[in-house]
Amino acid sequence: MASTADVPVRVCNQEIVKFDLEIKAAVQDIRDCMGPISTLTELNAKVKEKFQQLRLRIQELEQMAKEQDKESEKQALLLEVENHKKQMLRKTTKESLAEGASNITENLMGISRLMSQQVQQSEEAMQTLVSSSRTILDANEEFKSMSGTIQLGRKLITKYNRRELTDKLLIFLALALFLATVLYILKKRLFPFL
């Protein structure tokens, strides 16, 4: 029949096994996680907490082993503690690998966000260029229509300038004819004998 000292040792061993299984499940959750970085961080914190609890239980088991009266039981428990420590060391390495993977995932997600922002900025720049090109084309069309209007105005001004010159010439000739007529009439009336 088991002594009363064996019960706490068995309970401690069961808790060690329980934490070991919980750590394995949490590590698997980390591997399967495709969610946001906050979920990975929560899972990672959960694994660290379980490791801390596992460490405490192993230390308790080691303390119980040292308190054993029988040397054979003491050595058996100390050997068991060493095995648990080796397993925990292997798991700690796995945890650090999982944490490294989590950090890499976080970095990749950050890079992905930056790339997304760059693509969005490029799209906005492209839209601005398209809008500017449209404005330039509209201004060019307006310039062409104004250019036609300006050329028509130039032709009209040139035509009016020619008419003004013609009108001045005609007025001058009419005035000369008038003066010649007045002089002729004066000559005939004042100097009829000439």
Protein backbone atom coordinates (compact mmCIF):
# COMPACT_ATOMS: atom_id res chain seq x y z
CA MET A 1 0.00 0.00 0.00
CA ALA A 2 1.24 3.49 -0.89
CA SER A 3 2.35 5.75 1.88
CA THR A 4 0.92 9.21 2.48
CA ALA A 5 4.16 10.75 1.16
CA ASP A 6 3.51 9.14 -2.28
CA VAL A 7 0.23 11.03 -2.78
CA PRO A 8 1.78 14.54 -3.11
CA VAL A 9 4.46 13.10 -5.43
CA ARG A 10 1.78 11.49 -7.63
CA VAL A 11 -0.29 14.70 -7.64
CA CYS A 12 2.81 16.70 -8.60
CA ASN A 13 3.62 14.20 -11.39
CA GLN A 14 0.06 14.42 -12.67
CA GLU A 15 0.23 18.22 -12.72
CA ILE A 16 3.56 18.04 -14.59
CA VAL A 17 1.96 15.74 -17.18
CA LYS A 18 -1.10 18.02 -17.36
CA PHE A 19 1.04 21.14 -17.97
CA ASP A 20 3.13 19.21 -20.48
CA LEU A 21 -0.01 18.35 -22.49
CA GLU A 22 -1.34 21.89 -22.22
CA ILE A 23 1.99 23.25 -23.53
CA LYS A 24 1.89 20.80 -26.46
CA ALA A 25 -1.67 21.87 -27.27
CA ALA A 26 -0.76 25.58 -27.05
CA VAL A 27 2.29 25.09 -29.31
CA GLN A 28 0.07 23.31 -31.82
CA ASP A 29 -2.39 26.23 -31.62
CA ILE A 30 0.50 28.58 -32.44
CA ARG A 31 1.44 26.45 -35.45
CA ASP A 32 -2.14 26.38 -36.69
CA CYS A 33 -2.80 30.08 -36.04
CA MET A 34 -3.29 32.14 -39.18
CA GLY A 35 -4.94 35.03 -37.38
CA PRO A 36 -3.69 38.45 -36.44
CA ILE A 37 -0.50 39.01 -34.49
CA SER A 38 -2.47 39.76 -31.31
CA THR A 39 -3.77 36.17 -31.29
CA LEU A 40 -0.23 34.84 -31.72
CA THR A 41 0.96 37.04 -28.88
CA GLU A 42 -1.82 35.75 -26.60
CA LEU A 43 -0.99 32.14 -27.45
CA ASN A 44 2.70 32.80 -26.85
CA ALA A 45 1.94 34.36 -23.43
CA LYS A 46 -0.20 31.32 -22.60
CA VAL A 47 2.70 28.98 -23.43
CA LYS A 48 5.09 31.03 -21.27
CA GLU A 49 2.65 30.91 -18.37
CA LYS A 50 2.32 27.12 -18.67
CA PHE A 51 6.11 26.78 -18.81
CA GLN A 52 6.41 28.81 -15.63
CA GLN A 53 3.86 26.57 -13.89
CA LEU A 54 5.67 23.47 -15.20
CA ARG A 55 8.99 24.79 -13.87
CA LEU A 56 7.44 25.36 -10.44
CA ARG A 57 6.00 21.81 -10.36
CA ILE A 58 9.37 20.33 -11.34
CA GLN A 59 11.04 22.34 -8.57
CA GLU A 60 8.39 21.09 -6.13
CA LEU A 61 9.05 17.51 -7.26
CA GLU A 62 12.79 18.05 -6.81
CA GLN A 63 12.20 19.40 -3.31
CA MET A 64 10.01 16.38 -2.49
CA ALA A 65 12.74 14.09 -3.83
CA LYS A 66 15.31 15.69 -1.54
CA GLU A 67 12.99 15.24 1.42
CA GLN A 68 12.54 11.47 0.83
CA ASP A 69 13.83 9.19 3.57
CA LYS A 70 14.68 6.21 1.40
CA GLU A 71 17.73 6.71 -0.78
CA SER A 72 16.30 4.56 -3.60
CA GLU A 73 13.10 6.62 -3.77
CA LYS A 74 15.14 9.79 -3.56
CA GLN A 75 17.37 8.70 -6.49
CA ALA A 76 14.37 7.56 -8.54
CA LEU A 77 12.61 10.89 -8.04
CA LEU A 78 15.78 12.87 -8.78
CA LEU A 79 16.21 10.88 -12.01
CA GLU A 80 12.60 11.65 -12.87
CA VAL A 81 13.23 15.35 -12.15
CA GLU A 82 16.26 15.29 -14.48
CA ASN A 83 14.13 13.71 -17.23
CA HIS A 84 11.48 16.38 -16.76
CA LYS A 85 14.14 19.11 -16.90
CA LYS A 86 15.56 17.68 -20.15
CA GLN A 87 12.07 17.53 -21.67
CA MET A 88 11.39 21.07 -20.52
CA LEU A 89 14.69 22.22 -22.06
CA ARG A 90 13.66 20.65 -25.39
CA LYS A 91 10.27 22.31 -25.13
CA THR A 92 11.87 25.64 -24.25
CA THR A 93 13.89 25.37 -27.44
CA LYS A 94 10.67 24.64 -29.34
CA GLU A 95 9.03 27.59 -27.60
CA SER A 96 11.86 29.90 -28.62
CA LEU A 97 11.53 28.60 -32.17
CA ALA A 98 7.80 29.23 -32.04
CA GLU A 99 8.44 32.71 -30.66
CA GLY A 100 10.97 33.29 -33.45
CA ALA A 101 8.39 32.16 -35.97
CA SER A 102 5.89 34.48 -34.34
CA ASN A 103 8.34 37.39 -34.64
CA ILE A 104 9.04 36.52 -38.26
CA THR A 105 5.31 36.38 -38.94
CA GLU A 106 4.90 39.76 -37.26
CA ASN A 107 7.71 41.22 -39.39
CA LEU A 108 6.22 39.75 -42.56
CA MET A 109 2.81 41.16 -41.68
CA GLY A 110 4.43 44.57 -41.12
CA ILE A 111 6.16 44.35 -44.49
CA SER A 112 2.87 43.32 -46.07
CA ARG A 113 1.16 46.36 -44.53
CA LEU A 114 3.94 48.65 -45.81
CA MET A 115 3.67 47.15 -49.29
CA SER A 116 -0.08 47.62 -49.20
CA GLN A 117 0.38 51.28 -48.24
CA GLN A 118 2.91 51.75 -51.05
CA VAL A 119 0.53 50.19 -53.56
CA GLN A 120 -2.27 52.45 -52.34
CA GLN A 121 0.00 55.51 -52.60
CA SER A 122 0.96 54.45 -56.12
CA GLU A 123 -2.71 54.09 -57.04
CA GLU A 124 -3.43 57.56 -55.65
CA ALA A 125 -0.46 59.00 -57.58
CA MET A 126 -1.72 57.28 -60.73
CA GLN A 127 -5.20 58.75 -60.20
CA THR A 128 -3.64 62.20 -59.71
CA LEU A 129 -1.64 61.79 -62.93
CA VAL A 130 -4.74 60.70 -64.85
CA SER A 131 -6.68 63.67 -63.47
CA SER A 132 -3.82 66.06 -64.29
CA SER A 133 -3.55 64.64 -67.81
CA ARG A 134 -7.28 65.15 -68.31
CA THR A 135 -6.98 68.75 -67.09
CA ILE A 136 -4.03 69.38 -69.41
CA LEU A 137 -5.91 67.90 -72.39
CA ASP A 138 -8.95 70.07 -71.59
CA ALA A 139 -6.71 73.15 -71.31
CA ASN A 140 -5.04 72.23 -74.62
CA GLU A 141 -8.43 71.93 -76.35
CA GLU A 142 -9.51 75.27 -74.88
CA PHE A 143 -6.22 76.81 -76.02
CA LYS A 144 -6.78 75.50 -79.56
CA SER A 145 -10.30 76.99 -79.66
CA MET A 146 -8.98 80.29 -78.28
CA SER A 147 -6.16 80.20 -80.80
CA GLY A 148 -8.75 79.90 -83.61
CA THR A 149 -10.72 82.80 -82.13
CA ILE A 150 -7.56 84.91 -81.84
CA GLN A 151 -6.61 84.18 -85.47
CA LEU A 152 -10.12 85.15 -86.61
CA GLY A 153 -9.86 88.36 -84.56
CA ARG A 154 -6.47 89.11 -86.13
CA LYS A 155 -7.91 88.63 -89.63
CA LEU A 156 -10.84 90.93 -88.81
CA ILE A 157 -8.55 93.62 -87.37
CA THR A 158 -6.31 93.41 -90.45
CA LYS A 159 -9.39 93.68 -92.70
CA TYR A 160 -10.69 96.70 -90.74
CA ASN A 161 -7.24 98.34 -90.88
CA ARG A 162 -7.25 97.93 -94.68
CA ARG A 163 -10.76 99.37 -94.90
CA GLU A 164 -9.74 102.26 -92.67
CA LEU A 165 -6.83 102.99 -94.99
CA THR A 166 -9.11 102.71 -98.00
CA ASP A 167 -11.67 104.95 -96.31
CA LYS A 168 -9.00 107.55 -95.49
CA LEU A 169 -7.75 107.45 -99.07
CA LEU A 170 -11.30 107.84 -100.40
CA ILE A 171 -12.02 110.71 -97.97
CA PHE A 172 -8.76 112.39 -99.02
CA LEU A 173 -9.63 111.96 -102.69
CA ALA A 174 -13.19 113.20 -102.09
CA LEU A 175 -11.82 116.19 -100.17
CA ALA A 176 -9.32 116.89 -102.97
CA LEU A 177 -12.12 116.65 -105.54
CA PHE A 178 -14.29 118.92 -103.40
CA LEU A 179 -11.49 121.46 -103.04
CA ALA A 180 -10.74 121.24 -106.74
CA THR A 181 -14.41 121.81 -107.47
CA VAL A 182 -14.56 124.75 -105.07
CA LEU A 183 -11.43 126.22 -106.64
CA TYR A 184 -12.81 125.70 -110.11
CA ILE A 185 -16.07 127.39 -109.18
CA LEU A 186 -14.21 130.25 -107.50
CA LYS A 187 -11.96 130.65 -110.49
CA LYS A 188 -14.90 130.76 -112.87
CA ARG A 189 -16.80 133.22 -110.78
CA LEU A 190 -14.00 135.45 -109.62
CA PHE A 191 -11.84 135.25 -112.63
CA PRO A 192 -14.14 134.50 -115.55
CA PHE A 193 -11.65 135.70 -118.06
CA LEU A 194 -9.08 133.15 -117.18
